[in-house]
Amino acid sequence: MIVSKTDPLEFHKSAYEKATSQGKEFKRKQTFIAWLRLFLFLIIPFGIWIIYHGNSAGYFLTAAGIISFLVAVRWYIKLERSTREQLIITRLHLQELAAIGDDITSFDAGLEFTDTKHPFSYDLDVFGRESLFQHICRTVTLKGKTRLAELLSDPVNSPEAIKARQEFVSSLASDPSFSTEFRTAGKMNMAENSSLEGLETWLKSAPGFLRHKWIRSASFFSPAIIILLLILNATIGLSTTWLWLPIGFNSLLLGRYLAEINKIHGDLSTTSSLIAQLSGLLSVTGKYSFSTIEFQQIKKDSADVSQSINKLYKIFNTFDLRLNMIAGAVLNLFFLFDFHCLFSLKKWKSENSGLL
């Protein structure tokens, strides 16, 4: 069925039905992976039990269980995000369908921009309930909402500028899927309490313990020793008692700096939503091509930072695996996962310190 993008009612109704169907499918898969994840986790203690009884096959079973469990965790997170994305899309289309029926109560009224002393905005109901702002506002960032309010409060009066803006709006209106995808990307990671100032502060900070070269060396050698000991145990029967030495060292190292690592992760959590939002918005902008010069310039400017922001978002996303109690414990005790994430963030900072 071909849906006309020039008929708003038809477009939003069809898109709503599609998103609803896809959301149910993602939810079904998510439930299946949740049970699969539990089964794979139970393989790990079973493999350890086999090792305890002297069967070297337990090592391979345990390793397979750990790897499969971690893959299932990542898969579940991805499906959870997809399910949430479809839920947001359905809500957006429901809002637009309601707006077609003259119900705009779900949109921001811009009450904070009301100014009784303004030359015309108060008298013409530019802001407030049932206002022009509420009718047209589809912004997903605080900066975008503020910019729209500025444009309405202080409109251009040059014929050339007015014509250029009309062409720009007309170009965007020609493909409503862009607006839906852009707003979805923005709402997936609302960053109301985040700011670029917080990101700038993080870029300028430098945790003292990351300067120690021996910690960086340990983050590679200790996991390598654990893997080597597991191989030797499986091949020549080396006692598993030796494993407690590197695992114990990892525990002590993590314990020594855990408070600082938690603080770094906590600080980044206030910024990660902003990074995720920027990453999503830049990705959507890069996918579309509109004929106006203004959009082409926006696309060109965003391309310069999109790759770096996407890389930072992936590091943040990976770092958040520590929030899963089981996955975080396994990754840290065996591989010093937190330190690898912190060193990746440090490297990103050194390469992109002048990004903003």
Protein backbone atom coordinates (compact mmCIF):
# COMPACT_ATOMS: atom_id res chain seq x y z
CA MET A 1 0.00 0.00 0.00
CA ILE A 2 1.45 3.37 -1.06
CA VAL A 3 0.72 6.13 1.43
CA SER A 4 0.63 9.71 0.22
CA LYS A 5 2.92 12.01 2.20
CA THR A 6 0.85 14.98 1.08
CA ASP A 7 -2.21 13.74 2.98
CA PRO A 8 -1.38 14.26 6.70
CA LEU A 9 -4.33 12.19 7.99
CA GLU A 10 -3.49 9.21 5.77
CA PHE A 11 0.23 9.47 6.46
CA HIS A 12 -0.01 9.62 10.25
CA LYS A 13 -2.73 6.97 10.49
CA SER A 14 -0.72 4.50 8.40
CA ALA A 15 2.53 5.28 10.24
CA TYR A 16 0.79 4.83 13.60
CA GLU A 17 -0.51 1.39 12.63
CA LYS A 18 2.92 0.34 11.35
CA ALA A 19 4.72 1.50 14.52
CA THR A 20 2.16 -0.25 16.73
CA SER A 21 2.67 -3.54 14.87
CA GLN A 22 6.47 -3.29 14.98
CA GLY A 23 6.38 -2.39 18.68
CA LYS A 24 4.46 -5.57 19.49
CA GLU A 25 6.92 -7.66 17.47
CA PHE A 26 9.94 -6.14 19.26
CA LYS A 27 8.24 -6.73 22.62
CA ARG A 28 7.68 -10.40 21.75
CA LYS A 29 11.36 -10.83 20.82
CA GLN A 30 12.41 -8.98 23.95
CA THR A 31 10.49 -11.44 26.14
CA PHE A 32 12.09 -14.39 24.34
CA ILE A 33 15.61 -12.97 24.82
CA ALA A 34 14.90 -12.34 28.50
CA TRP A 35 14.26 -16.07 29.03
CA LEU A 36 17.21 -17.02 26.81
CA ARG A 37 19.46 -14.70 28.83
CA LEU A 38 18.43 -16.47 32.05
CA PHE A 39 19.14 -19.89 30.53
CA LEU A 40 22.58 -18.80 29.29
CA PHE A 41 23.44 -17.40 32.71
CA LEU A 42 22.60 -20.75 34.35
CA ILE A 43 25.12 -22.43 32.02
CA ILE A 44 27.95 -20.51 33.74
CA PRO A 45 27.60 -22.07 37.24
CA PHE A 46 26.94 -25.44 35.61
CA GLY A 47 30.24 -25.18 33.72
CA ILE A 48 32.03 -24.20 36.95
CA TRP A 49 30.49 -27.21 38.66
CA ILE A 50 31.86 -29.46 35.90
CA ILE A 51 35.32 -27.89 36.31
CA TYR A 52 35.15 -28.53 40.04
CA HIS A 53 34.59 -32.22 39.30
CA GLY A 54 37.71 -32.39 37.15
CA ASN A 55 36.24 -32.19 33.66
CA SER A 56 38.16 -29.71 31.46
CA ALA A 57 35.15 -29.42 29.13
CA GLY A 58 33.68 -27.19 31.81
CA TYR A 59 36.06 -24.41 30.80
CA PHE A 60 34.69 -24.29 27.29
CA LEU A 61 31.13 -24.53 28.58
CA THR A 62 31.72 -21.70 31.08
CA ALA A 63 33.43 -19.52 28.47
CA ALA A 64 30.64 -20.18 25.97
CA GLY A 65 28.07 -19.36 28.66
CA ILE A 66 29.75 -16.07 29.58
CA ILE A 67 30.16 -14.94 25.97
CA SER A 68 26.63 -15.99 25.01
CA PHE A 69 25.19 -14.32 28.10
CA LEU A 70 26.94 -11.02 27.32
CA VAL A 71 25.76 -11.18 23.70
CA ALA A 72 22.21 -11.82 24.93
CA VAL A 73 22.45 -8.85 27.29
CA ARG A 74 23.49 -6.55 24.44
CA TRP A 75 20.75 -8.01 22.22
CA TYR A 76 18.15 -7.46 24.95
CA ILE A 77 19.24 -3.84 25.41
CA LYS A 78 18.99 -3.27 21.67
CA LEU A 79 15.49 -4.76 21.52
CA GLU A 80 14.45 -2.77 24.58
CA ARG A 81 15.56 0.41 22.81
CA SER A 82 13.72 -0.58 19.61
CA THR A 83 10.54 -1.27 21.58
CA ARG A 84 10.77 2.12 23.26
CA GLU A 85 11.46 3.80 19.93
CA GLN A 86 8.28 2.36 18.40
CA LEU A 87 6.30 3.46 21.46
CA ILE A 88 7.57 7.02 21.00
CA ILE A 89 6.69 6.92 17.29
CA THR A 90 3.14 5.78 18.03
CA ARG A 91 2.73 8.63 20.53
CA LEU A 92 4.04 11.18 18.03
CA HIS A 93 1.59 10.07 15.37
CA LEU A 94 -1.27 10.03 17.87
CA GLN A 95 -0.40 13.63 18.75
CA GLU A 96 -0.42 14.64 15.09
CA LEU A 97 -3.73 12.87 14.48
CA ALA A 98 -5.18 14.74 17.47
CA ALA A 99 -3.76 18.01 16.10
CA ILE A 100 -5.51 17.39 12.79
CA GLY A 101 -8.69 17.26 14.88
CA ASP A 102 -7.78 20.64 16.48
CA ASP A 103 -6.51 19.12 19.73
CA ILE A 104 -3.02 20.54 20.37
CA THR A 105 -2.99 20.21 24.16
CA SER A 106 -0.13 17.68 24.03
CA PHE A 107 2.24 20.26 22.53
CA ASP A 108 4.32 22.82 24.42
CA ALA A 109 2.48 26.15 24.78
CA GLY A 110 5.63 28.16 25.46
CA LEU A 111 4.10 29.83 28.51
CA GLU A 112 7.55 30.84 29.77
CA PHE A 113 7.98 33.07 26.73
CA THR A 114 4.83 35.11 27.37
CA ASP A 115 5.73 38.79 27.65
CA THR A 116 2.96 41.30 28.33
CA LYS A 117 5.31 44.16 27.41
CA HIS A 118 6.27 42.78 24.00
CA PRO A 119 5.13 44.96 21.05
CA PHE A 120 2.90 42.27 19.53
CA SER A 121 3.44 38.70 20.84
CA TYR A 122 1.04 39.06 23.78
CA ASP A 123 -1.77 40.71 21.81
CA LEU A 124 -1.49 38.25 18.91
CA ASP A 125 -1.34 35.15 21.15
CA VAL A 126 2.06 34.10 19.84
CA PHE A 127 2.68 32.22 23.11
CA GLY A 128 0.35 30.49 25.53
CA ARG A 129 -2.48 27.99 25.22
CA GLU A 130 -3.99 27.70 21.73
CA SER A 131 -1.21 30.01 20.53
CA LEU A 132 0.79 30.07 17.32
CA PHE A 133 3.74 28.61 19.20
CA GLN A 134 1.70 25.65 20.44
CA HIS A 135 0.40 24.99 16.95
CA ILE A 136 3.82 24.79 15.30
CA CYS A 137 6.30 23.80 18.03
CA ARG A 138 7.78 20.35 17.37
CA THR A 139 11.18 20.96 18.95
CA VAL A 140 12.95 18.28 21.01
CA THR A 141 15.74 20.32 22.61
CA LEU A 142 15.64 23.25 24.97
CA LYS A 143 17.88 25.23 22.64
CA GLY A 144 15.58 24.49 19.70
CA LYS A 145 12.50 25.61 21.63
CA THR A 146 14.24 28.81 22.72
CA ARG A 147 15.39 29.50 19.15
CA LEU A 148 11.85 29.07 17.82
CA ALA A 149 10.56 31.52 20.44
CA GLU A 150 13.24 34.04 19.40
CA LEU A 151 12.25 33.73 15.73
CA LEU A 152 8.59 34.35 16.57
CA SER A 153 9.35 37.25 18.91
CA ASP A 154 11.77 38.93 16.56
CA PRO A 155 10.77 37.90 13.01
CA VAL A 156 12.83 38.82 9.96
CA ASN A 157 11.51 41.64 7.77
CA SER A 158 13.73 41.18 4.74
CA PRO A 159 11.80 39.83 1.71
CA GLU A 160 14.80 37.69 0.73
CA ALA A 161 15.12 36.19 4.22
CA ILE A 162 11.37 35.54 4.40
CA LYS A 163 11.40 33.80 1.03
CA ALA A 164 14.41 31.68 1.99
CA ARG A 165 12.71 30.61 5.22
CA GLN A 166 9.49 29.74 3.40
CA GLU A 167 11.44 27.58 0.97
CA PHE A 168 13.23 25.88 3.85
CA VAL A 169 9.97 25.10 5.68
CA SER A 170 8.31 23.96 2.46
CA SER A 171 11.22 21.64 1.74
CA LEU A 172 10.99 20.02 5.17
CA ALA A 173 7.21 19.71 4.90
CA SER A 174 7.57 17.76 1.65
CA ASP A 175 8.77 14.73 3.62
CA PRO A 176 7.01 14.43 7.01
CA SER A 177 8.98 11.26 7.77
CA PHE A 178 11.99 13.48 8.48
CA SER A 179 10.12 15.32 11.22
CA THR A 180 8.94 12.05 12.76
CA GLU A 181 12.38 10.46 12.69
CA PHE A 182 14.10 13.62 13.96
CA ARG A 183 11.66 14.06 16.84
CA THR A 184 11.90 10.37 17.71
CA ALA A 185 15.68 10.59 17.88
CA GLY A 186 15.38 13.61 20.14
CA LYS A 187 12.79 12.09 22.47
CA MET A 188 14.66 8.78 22.77
CA ASN A 189 17.17 10.60 24.94
CA MET A 190 15.61 13.76 26.30
CA ALA A 191 18.39 15.90 27.75
CA GLU A 192 16.43 18.45 29.73
CA ASN A 193 18.88 18.44 32.64
CA SER A 194 22.03 18.09 30.53
CA SER A 195 24.05 20.86 28.98
CA LEU A 196 27.10 21.46 26.86
CA GLU A 197 28.62 23.12 29.91
CA GLY A 198 28.61 19.74 31.64
CA LEU A 199 30.32 18.17 28.65
CA GLU A 200 32.90 20.95 28.60
CA THR A 201 33.63 20.37 32.29
CA TRP A 202 34.17 16.67 31.65
CA LEU A 203 36.47 17.42 28.71
CA LYS A 204 38.63 19.59 30.94
CA SER A 205 38.77 17.12 33.84
CA ALA A 206 41.44 14.43 34.19
CA PRO A 207 41.16 11.66 36.82
CA GLY A 208 44.54 11.38 38.54
CA PHE A 209 44.75 7.59 38.67
CA LEU A 210 44.44 7.31 34.87
CA ARG A 211 47.86 8.94 34.60
CA HIS A 212 49.52 5.91 36.21
CA LYS A 213 51.10 3.83 33.46
CA TRP A 214 51.13 0.73 35.64
CA ILE A 215 47.32 0.77 35.83
CA ARG A 216 47.06 0.84 32.05
CA SER A 217 49.57 -2.03 31.82
CA ALA A 218 47.69 -4.00 34.48
CA SER A 219 44.41 -3.57 32.59
CA PHE A 220 45.93 -5.59 29.74
CA PHE A 221 48.28 -8.00 31.51
CA SER A 222 45.92 -9.16 34.25
CA PRO A 223 43.13 -10.30 31.85
CA ALA A 224 45.79 -11.89 29.62
CA ILE A 225 47.13 -13.87 32.61
CA ILE A 226 43.61 -15.06 33.49
CA ILE A 227 43.04 -16.28 29.92
CA LEU A 228 46.47 -17.98 29.91
CA LEU A 229 45.77 -19.74 33.22
CA LEU A 230 42.40 -20.96 31.92
CA ILE A 231 44.10 -22.36 28.81
CA LEU A 232 46.82 -24.07 30.88
CA ASN A 233 44.23 -25.56 33.19
CA ALA A 234 42.26 -26.92 30.25
CA THR A 235 45.32 -28.30 28.45
CA ILE A 236 47.75 -29.51 31.15
CA GLY A 237 45.53 -29.50 34.22
CA LEU A 238 47.08 -26.52 36.03
CA SER A 239 45.33 -25.95 39.34
CA THR A 240 42.51 -23.40 39.29
CA THR A 241 43.89 -22.02 42.55
CA TRP A 242 46.25 -19.88 40.47
CA LEU A 243 43.24 -18.04 39.03
CA TRP A 244 42.55 -16.44 42.39
CA LEU A 245 45.77 -14.44 42.17
CA PRO A 246 44.89 -12.26 39.13
CA ILE A 247 41.19 -12.21 40.08
CA GLY A 248 42.13 -11.11 43.58
CA PHE A 249 44.42 -8.45 42.14
CA ASN A 250 41.60 -7.19 39.91
CA SER A 251 39.28 -7.05 42.91
CA LEU A 252 41.78 -5.06 44.95
CA LEU A 253 42.46 -2.66 42.08
CA LEU A 254 38.77 -2.11 41.46
CA GLY A 255 38.10 -1.69 45.16
CA ARG A 256 40.84 0.91 45.46
CA TYR A 257 39.37 3.15 42.73
CA LEU A 258 35.71 2.09 42.73
CA ALA A 259 34.48 5.28 44.42
CA GLU A 260 36.26 7.44 41.83
CA ILE A 261 35.03 5.28 38.95
CA ASN A 262 31.45 5.47 40.24
CA LYS A 263 31.74 9.25 40.51
CA ILE A 264 33.05 9.52 36.94
CA HIS A 265 30.24 7.31 35.65
CA GLY A 266 27.70 9.27 37.67
CA ASP A 267 28.98 12.58 36.31
CA LEU A 268 28.92 11.25 32.76
CA SER A 269 25.37 9.99 33.23
CA THR A 270 24.19 13.61 33.37
CA THR A 271 25.89 14.20 30.03
CA SER A 272 25.28 10.85 28.33
CA SER A 273 21.65 11.66 27.52
CA LEU A 274 22.78 14.81 25.73
CA ILE A 275 25.44 12.89 23.79
CA ALA A 276 22.93 10.19 22.87
CA GLN A 277 20.45 12.85 21.74
CA LEU A 278 23.05 14.70 19.66
CA SER A 279 24.19 11.43 18.12
CA GLY A 280 20.65 10.53 17.11
CA LEU A 281 19.79 13.97 15.75
CA LEU A 282 23.02 14.19 13.74
CA SER A 283 22.48 10.70 12.30
CA VAL A 284 18.97 11.58 11.13
CA THR A 285 20.15 14.88 9.62
CA GLY A 286 22.85 13.05 7.68
CA LYS A 287 20.35 10.60 6.17
CA TYR A 288 18.14 13.14 4.44
CA SER A 289 18.80 15.43 1.50
CA PHE A 290 16.76 18.55 0.90
CA SER A 291 17.32 21.04 -1.88
CA THR A 292 17.56 24.24 0.17
CA ILE A 293 20.94 25.85 0.74
CA GLU A 294 20.20 26.24 4.46
CA PHE A 295 19.64 22.52 4.99
CA GLN A 296 22.70 21.59 2.95
CA GLN A 297 24.77 23.89 5.17
CA ILE A 298 23.30 22.35 8.31
CA LYS A 299 24.05 18.89 6.96
CA LYS A 300 27.63 19.88 6.11
CA ASP A 301 28.24 21.39 9.55
CA SER A 302 26.78 18.36 11.35
CA ALA A 303 28.87 15.92 9.31
CA ASP A 304 32.03 17.47 10.77
CA VAL A 305 31.14 16.37 14.31
CA SER A 306 28.77 13.45 13.72
CA GLN A 307 31.44 10.76 13.59
CA SER A 308 33.14 11.91 16.79
CA ILE A 309 29.85 12.28 18.69
CA ASN A 310 28.71 8.83 17.54
CA LYS A 311 31.99 7.31 18.74
CA LEU A 312 31.61 8.97 22.15
CA TYR A 313 28.02 7.76 22.37
CA LYS A 314 29.15 4.16 21.73
CA ILE A 315 31.76 4.43 24.50
CA PHE A 316 29.13 5.79 26.91
CA ASN A 317 26.74 3.03 25.89
CA THR A 318 29.38 0.36 26.45
CA PHE A 319 30.36 1.86 29.81
CA ASP A 320 26.74 1.53 30.92
CA LEU A 321 27.07 -2.28 30.77
CA ARG A 322 28.49 -1.99 34.29
CA LEU A 323 24.97 -1.12 35.45
CA ASN A 324 24.01 -4.76 34.85
CA MET A 325 25.10 -6.33 38.13
CA ILE A 326 26.02 -9.73 36.68
CA ALA A 327 27.61 -8.52 33.45
CA GLY A 328 29.47 -5.76 35.29
CA ALA A 329 30.89 -8.16 37.87
CA VAL A 330 32.05 -10.70 35.28
CA LEU A 331 33.56 -8.08 32.95
CA ASN A 332 35.41 -6.32 35.75
CA LEU A 333 36.71 -9.31 37.70
CA PHE A 334 38.06 -10.97 34.56
CA PHE A 335 38.86 -8.07 32.23
CA LEU A 336 38.96 -4.83 34.32
CA PHE A 337 36.18 -3.52 32.09
CA ASP A 338 35.76 -0.15 33.83
CA PHE A 339 39.40 0.79 33.28
CA HIS A 340 39.25 -0.05 29.58
CA CYS A 341 36.19 2.19 29.20
CA LEU A 342 37.90 5.02 31.06
CA PHE A 343 41.01 4.75 28.90
CA SER A 344 38.79 4.80 25.78
CA LEU A 345 37.15 7.99 27.08
CA LYS A 346 40.57 9.48 27.82
CA LYS A 347 41.71 8.71 24.27
CA TRP A 348 38.55 10.28 22.83
CA LYS A 349 39.16 13.42 24.85
CA SER A 350 42.74 13.74 23.64
CA GLU A 351 41.57 13.44 20.02
CA ASN A 352 38.48 15.66 20.26
CA SER A 353 39.19 18.19 23.00
CA GLY A 354 38.47 21.07 20.62
CA LEU A 355 35.24 19.58 19.25
CA LEU A 356 32.85 22.01 20.93
